[in-house]
Amino acid sequence: MPAPARAASQKAKLLQLLQSEVVQTNHELNQRIGYRYSARIHELREDGYIIDTVKSKGDVNRGTVVYVL
């Protein structure tokens, strides 16, 4: 799949995941979308979607953030 088509597909899949009302962590998005999921989040924000990034607290989830649409 060409890069622009792949990016559009990832963006659509990411939007669907964020709209599912299931908490999506950076680790889950990395597995489901790929390493460039943050670029797709940036694109969705540019399209007008408000996506909050919430940092997880505690040693167990260190380095984990949650994305909320």
C-alpha atoms as a PDB file:
ATOM      1  CA  MET A   1       0.000   0.000   0.000  1.00  0.00           C
ATOM      2  CA  PRO A   2       1.461   3.424  -0.909  1.00  0.00           C
ATOM      3  CA  ALA A   3       2.442   5.662   2.005  1.00  0.00           C
ATOM      4  CA  PRO A   4      -0.419   8.222   1.618  1.00  0.00           C
ATOM      5  CA  ALA A   5      -3.014   5.435   1.461  1.00  0.00           C
ATOM      6  CA  ARG A   6      -1.459   3.705   4.474  1.00  0.00           C
ATOM      7  CA  ALA A   7      -1.518   6.960   6.462  1.00  0.00           C
ATOM      8  CA  ALA A   8      -5.183   7.541   5.573  1.00  0.00           C
ATOM      9  CA  SER A   9      -6.019   3.983   6.604  1.00  0.00           C
ATOM     10  CA  GLN A  10      -4.158   4.367   9.912  1.00  0.00           C
ATOM     11  CA  LYS A  11      -5.884   7.699  10.533  1.00  0.00           C
ATOM     12  CA  ALA A  12      -9.341   6.177   9.955  1.00  0.00           C
ATOM     13  CA  LYS A  13      -8.540   3.207  12.204  1.00  0.00           C
ATOM     14  CA  LEU A  14      -7.199   5.513  14.930  1.00  0.00           C
ATOM     15  CA  LEU A  15     -10.317   7.679  14.804  1.00  0.00           C
ATOM     16  CA  GLN A  16     -12.491   4.583  15.100  1.00  0.00           C
ATOM     17  CA  LEU A  17     -10.499   3.379  18.125  1.00  0.00           C
ATOM     18  CA  LEU A  18     -10.704   6.763  19.848  1.00  0.00           C
ATOM     19  CA  GLN A  19     -14.454   6.990  19.226  1.00  0.00           C
ATOM     20  CA  SER A  20     -15.015   3.518  20.708  1.00  0.00           C
ATOM     21  CA  GLU A  21     -14.941   5.011  24.233  1.00  0.00           C
ATOM     22  CA  VAL A  22     -12.412   2.368  25.258  1.00  0.00           C
ATOM     23  CA  VAL A  23      -9.303   3.816  26.872  1.00  0.00           C
ATOM     24  CA  GLN A  24      -6.397   3.796  24.406  1.00  0.00           C
ATOM     25  CA  THR A  25      -2.885   3.916  25.835  1.00  0.00           C
ATOM     26  CA  ASN A  26       0.217   4.773  23.854  1.00  0.00           C
ATOM     27  CA  HIS A  27       1.323   1.134  24.116  1.00  0.00           C
ATOM     28  CA  GLU A  28      -1.971  -0.159  22.678  1.00  0.00           C
ATOM     29  CA  LEU A  29      -1.935   2.355  19.818  1.00  0.00           C
ATOM     30  CA  ASN A  30       1.638   1.424  19.039  1.00  0.00           C
ATOM     31  CA  GLN A  31       0.545  -2.197  18.581  1.00  0.00           C
ATOM     32  CA  ARG A  32      -2.709  -1.468  16.707  1.00  0.00           C
ATOM     33  CA  ILE A  33      -1.687   1.466  14.500  1.00  0.00           C
ATOM     34  CA  GLY A  34       2.115   1.384  14.415  1.00  0.00           C
ATOM     35  CA  TYR A  35       4.994   3.515  15.587  1.00  0.00           C
ATOM     36  CA  ARG A  36       3.738   6.605  13.739  1.00  0.00           C
ATOM     37  CA  TYR A  37       0.381   6.733  15.555  1.00  0.00           C
ATOM     38  CA  SER A  38       1.424  10.107  17.009  1.00  0.00           C
ATOM     39  CA  ALA A  39       1.588  11.559  13.476  1.00  0.00           C
ATOM     40  CA  ARG A  40      -1.974  10.387  12.888  1.00  0.00           C
ATOM     41  CA  ILE A  41      -3.051  12.003  16.198  1.00  0.00           C
ATOM     42  CA  HIS A  42      -1.417  15.229  15.032  1.00  0.00           C
ATOM     43  CA  GLU A  43      -3.316  15.047  11.726  1.00  0.00           C
ATOM     44  CA  LEU A  44      -6.634  14.446  13.507  1.00  0.00           C
ATOM     45  CA  ARG A  45      -5.973  17.444  15.733  1.00  0.00           C
ATOM     46  CA  GLU A  46      -5.257  19.528  12.628  1.00  0.00           C
ATOM     47  CA  ASP A  47      -8.619  18.336  11.258  1.00  0.00           C
ATOM     48  CA  GLY A  48     -10.312  19.827  14.327  1.00  0.00           C
ATOM     49  CA  TYR A  49     -10.642  16.814  16.624  1.00  0.00           C
ATOM     50  CA  ILE A  50      -9.928  17.560  20.259  1.00  0.00           C
ATOM     51  CA  ILE A  51      -7.766  14.735  21.568  1.00  0.00           C
ATOM     52  CA  ASP A  52      -6.528  15.003  25.127  1.00  0.00           C
ATOM     53  CA  THR A  53      -3.333  13.374  26.308  1.00  0.00           C
ATOM     54  CA  VAL A  54      -3.477  12.271  29.939  1.00  0.00           C
ATOM     55  CA  LYS A  55      -0.289  11.094  31.620  1.00  0.00           C
ATOM     56  CA  SER A  56      -0.653   8.042  33.805  1.00  0.00           C
ATOM     57  CA  LYS A  57       0.570   8.303  37.387  1.00  0.00           C
ATOM     58  CA  GLY A  58       2.316   5.652  39.412  1.00  0.00           C
ATOM     59  CA  ASP A  59       5.315   3.391  39.023  1.00  0.00           C
ATOM     60  CA  VAL A  60       3.350   0.512  37.481  1.00  0.00           C
ATOM     61  CA  ASN A  61       2.313   2.523  34.418  1.00  0.00           C
ATOM     62  CA  ARG A  62       5.432   4.627  34.133  1.00  0.00           C
ATOM     63  CA  GLY A  63       5.761   6.216  30.700  1.00  0.00           C
ATOM     64  CA  THR A  64       2.145   5.510  29.796  1.00  0.00           C
ATOM     65  CA  VAL A  65      -0.239   8.097  28.423  1.00  0.00           C
ATOM     66  CA  VAL A  66      -3.919   7.772  27.579  1.00  0.00           C
ATOM     67  CA  TYR A  67      -5.547   9.446  24.576  1.00  0.00           C
ATOM     68  CA  VAL A  68      -9.143  10.615  24.928  1.00  0.00           C
ATOM     69  CA  LEU A  69     -11.354  11.983  22.154  1.00  0.00           C
END
